[in-house]
């Protein structure tokens, strides 16, 4: 039997965005955001083993809320004027 990598297994079981409803795409996006937060929490614990749980949470809060090189989000391009759904301008 041929060997499949773990990444190939995840790709095979991961829903594609184009095949999803708006609700499913939102759920996928929120799951990805949660995963990113958990990854950063793990990184902070690994890089600062001396930190308490409160220190890790404070570091995570700083990472989430203080983005000096990305004042309008993470994308370096110009700010989009696109509105989603019924969002006010």
N, C-alpha and C. Protein backbone atom coordinates (compact mmCIF):
# COMPACT_ATOMS: atom_id res chain seq x y z
N UNK A 1 0.85 -1.18 0.00
CA UNK A 1 0.00 0.00 0.00
C UNK A 1 0.90 1.24 0.00
N UNK A 2 0.65 2.22 -0.88
CA UNK A 2 1.49 3.42 -0.92
C UNK A 2 1.32 4.26 0.34
N UNK A 3 2.41 4.89 0.74
CA UNK A 3 2.41 5.73 1.93
C UNK A 3 1.81 7.10 1.59
N UNK A 4 0.87 7.57 2.41
CA UNK A 4 0.30 8.92 2.25
C UNK A 4 0.78 9.78 3.39
N UNK A 5 1.21 10.98 3.05
CA UNK A 5 1.68 11.89 4.10
C UNK A 5 0.48 12.39 4.90
N UNK A 6 0.76 12.90 6.09
CA UNK A 6 -0.31 13.46 6.93
C UNK A 6 -0.94 14.65 6.22
N UNK A 7 -0.12 15.47 5.55
CA UNK A 7 -0.65 16.63 4.84
C UNK A 7 -1.60 16.20 3.72
N UNK A 8 -1.25 15.14 3.02
CA UNK A 8 -2.12 14.65 1.95
C UNK A 8 -3.45 14.18 2.53
N UNK A 9 -3.39 13.56 3.69
CA UNK A 9 -4.62 13.12 4.34
C UNK A 9 -5.50 14.28 4.75
N UNK A 10 -4.87 15.37 5.26
CA UNK A 10 -5.64 16.55 5.64
C UNK A 10 -6.26 17.19 4.41
N UNK A 11 -5.49 17.28 3.31
CA UNK A 11 -6.04 17.88 2.09
C UNK A 11 -7.24 17.08 1.60
N UNK A 12 -7.17 15.78 1.70
CA UNK A 12 -8.27 14.95 1.21
C UNK A 12 -9.52 15.12 2.06
N UNK A 13 -9.37 15.43 3.35
CA UNK A 13 -10.53 15.53 4.22
C UNK A 13 -10.95 16.97 4.49
N UNK A 14 -10.19 17.96 3.99
CA UNK A 14 -10.50 19.36 4.24
C UNK A 14 -11.49 19.86 3.20
N UNK A 15 -12.60 20.47 3.65
CA UNK A 15 -13.56 20.98 2.67
C UNK A 15 -12.96 22.15 1.90
N UNK A 16 -13.32 22.25 0.63
CA UNK A 16 -12.83 23.37 -0.17
C UNK A 16 -13.76 24.54 -0.01
N UNK A 17 -13.21 25.74 -0.09
CA UNK A 17 -14.02 26.94 0.09
C UNK A 17 -15.05 27.08 -1.02
N UNK A 18 -14.70 26.73 -2.26
CA UNK A 18 -15.63 26.92 -3.37
C UNK A 18 -16.84 25.99 -3.29
N UNK A 19 -16.71 24.88 -2.58
CA UNK A 19 -17.80 23.92 -2.50
C UNK A 19 -18.64 24.12 -1.25
N UNK A 20 -18.44 25.23 -0.55
CA UNK A 20 -19.10 25.44 0.73
C UNK A 20 -20.15 26.53 0.64
N UNK A 21 -21.09 26.48 1.57
CA UNK A 21 -22.07 27.55 1.70
C UNK A 21 -21.40 28.71 2.44
N UNK A 22 -21.99 29.91 2.41
CA UNK A 22 -21.40 31.01 3.18
C UNK A 22 -21.24 30.67 4.66
N UNK A 23 -22.19 29.96 5.22
CA UNK A 23 -22.11 29.58 6.64
C UNK A 23 -20.93 28.64 6.88
N UNK A 24 -20.72 27.70 5.96
CA UNK A 24 -19.59 26.78 6.11
C UNK A 24 -18.26 27.51 5.94
N UNK A 25 -18.20 28.46 5.01
CA UNK A 25 -16.97 29.23 4.82
C UNK A 25 -16.65 30.05 6.07
N UNK A 26 -17.67 30.62 6.69
CA UNK A 26 -17.45 31.37 7.93
C UNK A 26 -16.94 30.45 9.03
N UNK A 27 -17.54 29.28 9.17
CA UNK A 27 -17.09 28.32 10.17
C UNK A 27 -15.64 27.92 9.92
N UNK A 28 -15.29 27.67 8.66
CA UNK A 28 -13.91 27.30 8.32
C UNK A 28 -12.96 28.44 8.68
N UNK A 29 -13.34 29.69 8.35
CA UNK A 29 -12.49 30.84 8.65
C UNK A 29 -12.30 31.00 10.16
N UNK A 30 -13.38 30.84 10.92
CA UNK A 30 -13.27 30.96 12.38
C UNK A 30 -12.43 29.83 12.97
N UNK A 31 -12.56 28.62 12.42
CA UNK A 31 -11.72 27.51 12.87
C UNK A 31 -10.26 27.80 12.58
N UNK A 32 -9.97 28.39 11.41
CA UNK A 32 -8.60 28.73 11.06
C UNK A 32 -8.05 29.79 12.01
N UNK A 33 -8.88 30.78 12.35
CA UNK A 33 -8.45 31.82 13.29
C UNK A 33 -8.14 31.20 14.65
N UNK A 34 -9.02 30.32 15.12
CA UNK A 34 -8.78 29.64 16.41
C UNK A 34 -7.48 28.84 16.37
N UNK A 35 -7.23 28.17 15.24
CA UNK A 35 -6.00 27.40 15.10
C UNK A 35 -4.78 28.31 15.17
N UNK A 36 -4.85 29.46 14.51
CA UNK A 36 -3.74 30.42 14.55
C UNK A 36 -3.46 30.91 15.96
N UNK A 37 -4.51 31.15 16.71
CA UNK A 37 -4.35 31.59 18.10
C UNK A 37 -3.70 30.49 18.93
N UNK A 38 -4.14 29.27 18.74
CA UNK A 38 -3.55 28.15 19.49
C UNK A 38 -2.08 27.95 19.11
N UNK A 39 -1.76 28.12 17.82
CA UNK A 39 -0.37 28.00 17.39
C UNK A 39 0.50 29.07 18.04
N UNK A 40 0.00 30.31 18.09
CA UNK A 40 0.78 31.38 18.71
C UNK A 40 0.93 31.13 20.20
N UNK A 41 -0.13 30.65 20.85
CA UNK A 41 -0.03 30.33 22.28
C UNK A 41 1.06 29.27 22.50
N UNK A 42 1.09 28.25 21.66
CA UNK A 42 2.12 27.20 21.77
C UNK A 42 3.51 27.78 21.52
N UNK A 43 3.61 28.67 20.53
CA UNK A 43 4.90 29.29 20.24
C UNK A 43 5.40 30.11 21.44
N UNK A 44 4.51 30.89 22.05
CA UNK A 44 4.90 31.69 23.21
C UNK A 44 5.37 30.79 24.36
N UNK A 45 4.67 29.68 24.58
CA UNK A 45 5.08 28.75 25.65
C UNK A 45 6.45 28.14 25.35
N UNK A 46 6.68 27.81 24.07
CA UNK A 46 7.95 27.21 23.68
C UNK A 46 9.10 28.22 23.79
N UNK A 47 8.85 29.46 23.34
CA UNK A 47 9.90 30.48 23.36
C UNK A 47 10.14 31.08 24.74
N UNK A 48 9.16 30.95 25.63
CA UNK A 48 9.26 31.54 26.98
C UNK A 48 8.79 30.54 28.03
N UNK A 49 9.54 29.46 28.23
CA UNK A 49 9.10 28.43 29.18
C UNK A 49 8.98 28.94 30.61
N UNK A 50 9.62 30.07 30.90
CA UNK A 50 9.55 30.61 32.26
C UNK A 50 8.27 31.40 32.51
N UNK A 51 7.52 31.71 31.47
CA UNK A 51 6.29 32.50 31.61
C UNK A 51 5.18 31.70 32.28
N UNK A 52 4.41 32.38 33.11
CA UNK A 52 3.22 31.78 33.71
C UNK A 52 2.10 31.76 32.67
N UNK A 53 1.00 31.10 33.00
CA UNK A 53 -0.16 31.11 32.10
C UNK A 53 -0.64 32.53 31.84
N UNK A 54 -0.64 33.36 32.88
CA UNK A 54 -1.07 34.76 32.73
C UNK A 54 -0.13 35.53 31.79
N UNK A 55 1.19 35.25 31.89
CA UNK A 55 2.15 35.90 31.00
C UNK A 55 1.90 35.50 29.55
N UNK A 56 1.63 34.22 29.33
CA UNK A 56 1.36 33.73 27.98
C UNK A 56 0.10 34.41 27.43
N UNK A 57 -0.94 34.49 28.24
CA UNK A 57 -2.17 35.13 27.78
C UNK A 57 -1.96 36.62 27.50
N UNK A 58 -1.13 37.28 28.31
CA UNK A 58 -0.82 38.69 28.07
C UNK A 58 -0.04 38.84 26.76
N UNK A 59 0.90 37.94 26.51
CA UNK A 59 1.65 37.96 25.25
C UNK A 59 0.74 37.71 24.06
N UNK A 60 -0.19 36.81 24.22
CA UNK A 60 -1.15 36.52 23.16
C UNK A 60 -2.03 37.75 22.91
N UNK A 61 -2.46 38.41 23.97
CA UNK A 61 -3.27 39.61 23.83
C UNK A 61 -2.50 40.70 23.08
N UNK A 62 -1.21 40.87 23.43
CA UNK A 62 -0.38 41.86 22.72
C UNK A 62 -0.28 41.51 21.25
N UNK A 63 -0.08 40.24 20.93
CA UNK A 63 0.04 39.79 19.54
C UNK A 63 -1.25 40.05 18.77
N UNK A 64 -2.37 39.82 19.41
CA UNK A 64 -3.66 40.02 18.73
C UNK A 64 -4.03 41.49 18.55
N UNK A 65 -3.64 42.34 19.49
CA UNK A 65 -4.13 43.72 19.48
C UNK A 65 -3.11 44.78 19.10
N UNK A 66 -1.85 44.46 19.08
CA UNK A 66 -0.83 45.46 18.76
C UNK A 66 -0.07 45.01 17.52
N UNK A 67 -0.44 45.55 16.36
CA UNK A 67 0.19 45.16 15.10
C UNK A 67 0.84 46.40 14.47
N UNK A 68 2.02 46.81 14.94
CA UNK A 68 2.62 48.07 14.48
C UNK A 68 2.91 48.12 12.98
N UNK A 69 3.16 46.98 12.36
CA UNK A 69 3.47 46.98 10.93
C UNK A 69 2.26 46.61 10.09
N UNK A 70 1.10 46.50 10.70
CA UNK A 70 -0.12 46.15 9.97
C UNK A 70 -1.30 46.88 10.60
N UNK A 71 -1.35 48.22 10.49
CA UNK A 71 -2.40 48.98 11.17
C UNK A 71 -3.81 48.69 10.65
N UNK A 72 -3.93 48.21 9.43
CA UNK A 72 -5.25 47.92 8.86
C UNK A 72 -5.47 46.44 8.64
N UNK A 73 -4.72 45.61 9.32
CA UNK A 73 -4.80 44.17 9.13
C UNK A 73 -3.47 43.63 8.67
N UNK A 74 -3.40 42.38 8.29
CA UNK A 74 -2.14 41.76 7.92
C UNK A 74 -1.75 41.96 6.47
N UNK A 75 -2.68 42.30 5.61
CA UNK A 75 -2.36 42.42 4.20
C UNK A 75 -1.66 43.74 3.93
N UNK A 76 -0.51 43.74 3.22
CA UNK A 76 0.25 44.97 3.04
C UNK A 76 -0.30 45.92 1.97
N UNK A 77 -1.28 45.50 1.19
CA UNK A 77 -1.80 46.34 0.11
C UNK A 77 -2.74 47.43 0.62
N UNK A 78 -3.35 48.13 -0.35
CA UNK A 78 -4.27 49.21 0.02
C UNK A 78 -5.53 48.64 0.66
N UNK A 79 -6.17 49.46 1.46
CA UNK A 79 -7.38 49.08 2.16
C UNK A 79 -8.51 48.84 1.15
N UNK A 80 -9.25 47.77 1.30
CA UNK A 80 -10.33 47.44 0.39
C UNK A 80 -11.57 48.28 0.70
N UNK A 81 -12.28 48.67 -0.36
CA UNK A 81 -13.53 49.40 -0.19
C UNK A 81 -14.73 48.45 -0.29
N UNK A 82 -14.47 47.18 -0.50
CA UNK A 82 -15.53 46.19 -0.66
C UNK A 82 -16.30 46.00 0.65
N UNK A 83 -17.59 45.89 0.56
CA UNK A 83 -18.45 45.66 1.72
C UNK A 83 -19.05 44.27 1.60
N UNK A 84 -19.16 43.60 2.70
CA UNK A 84 -19.71 42.25 2.73
C UNK A 84 -21.14 42.27 3.21
N UNK A 85 -22.01 41.57 2.51
CA UNK A 85 -23.39 41.46 2.93
C UNK A 85 -24.07 42.80 3.03
N UNK A 86 -24.74 43.05 4.12
CA UNK A 86 -25.46 44.30 4.34
C UNK A 86 -24.68 45.23 5.26
N UNK A 87 -23.38 45.09 5.32
CA UNK A 87 -22.56 45.92 6.19
C UNK A 87 -22.64 47.38 5.75
N UNK A 88 -22.77 48.29 6.70
CA UNK A 88 -22.80 49.72 6.33
C UNK A 88 -21.44 50.16 5.79
N UNK A 89 -21.44 51.18 4.95
CA UNK A 89 -20.15 51.66 4.38
C UNK A 89 -19.26 52.30 5.42
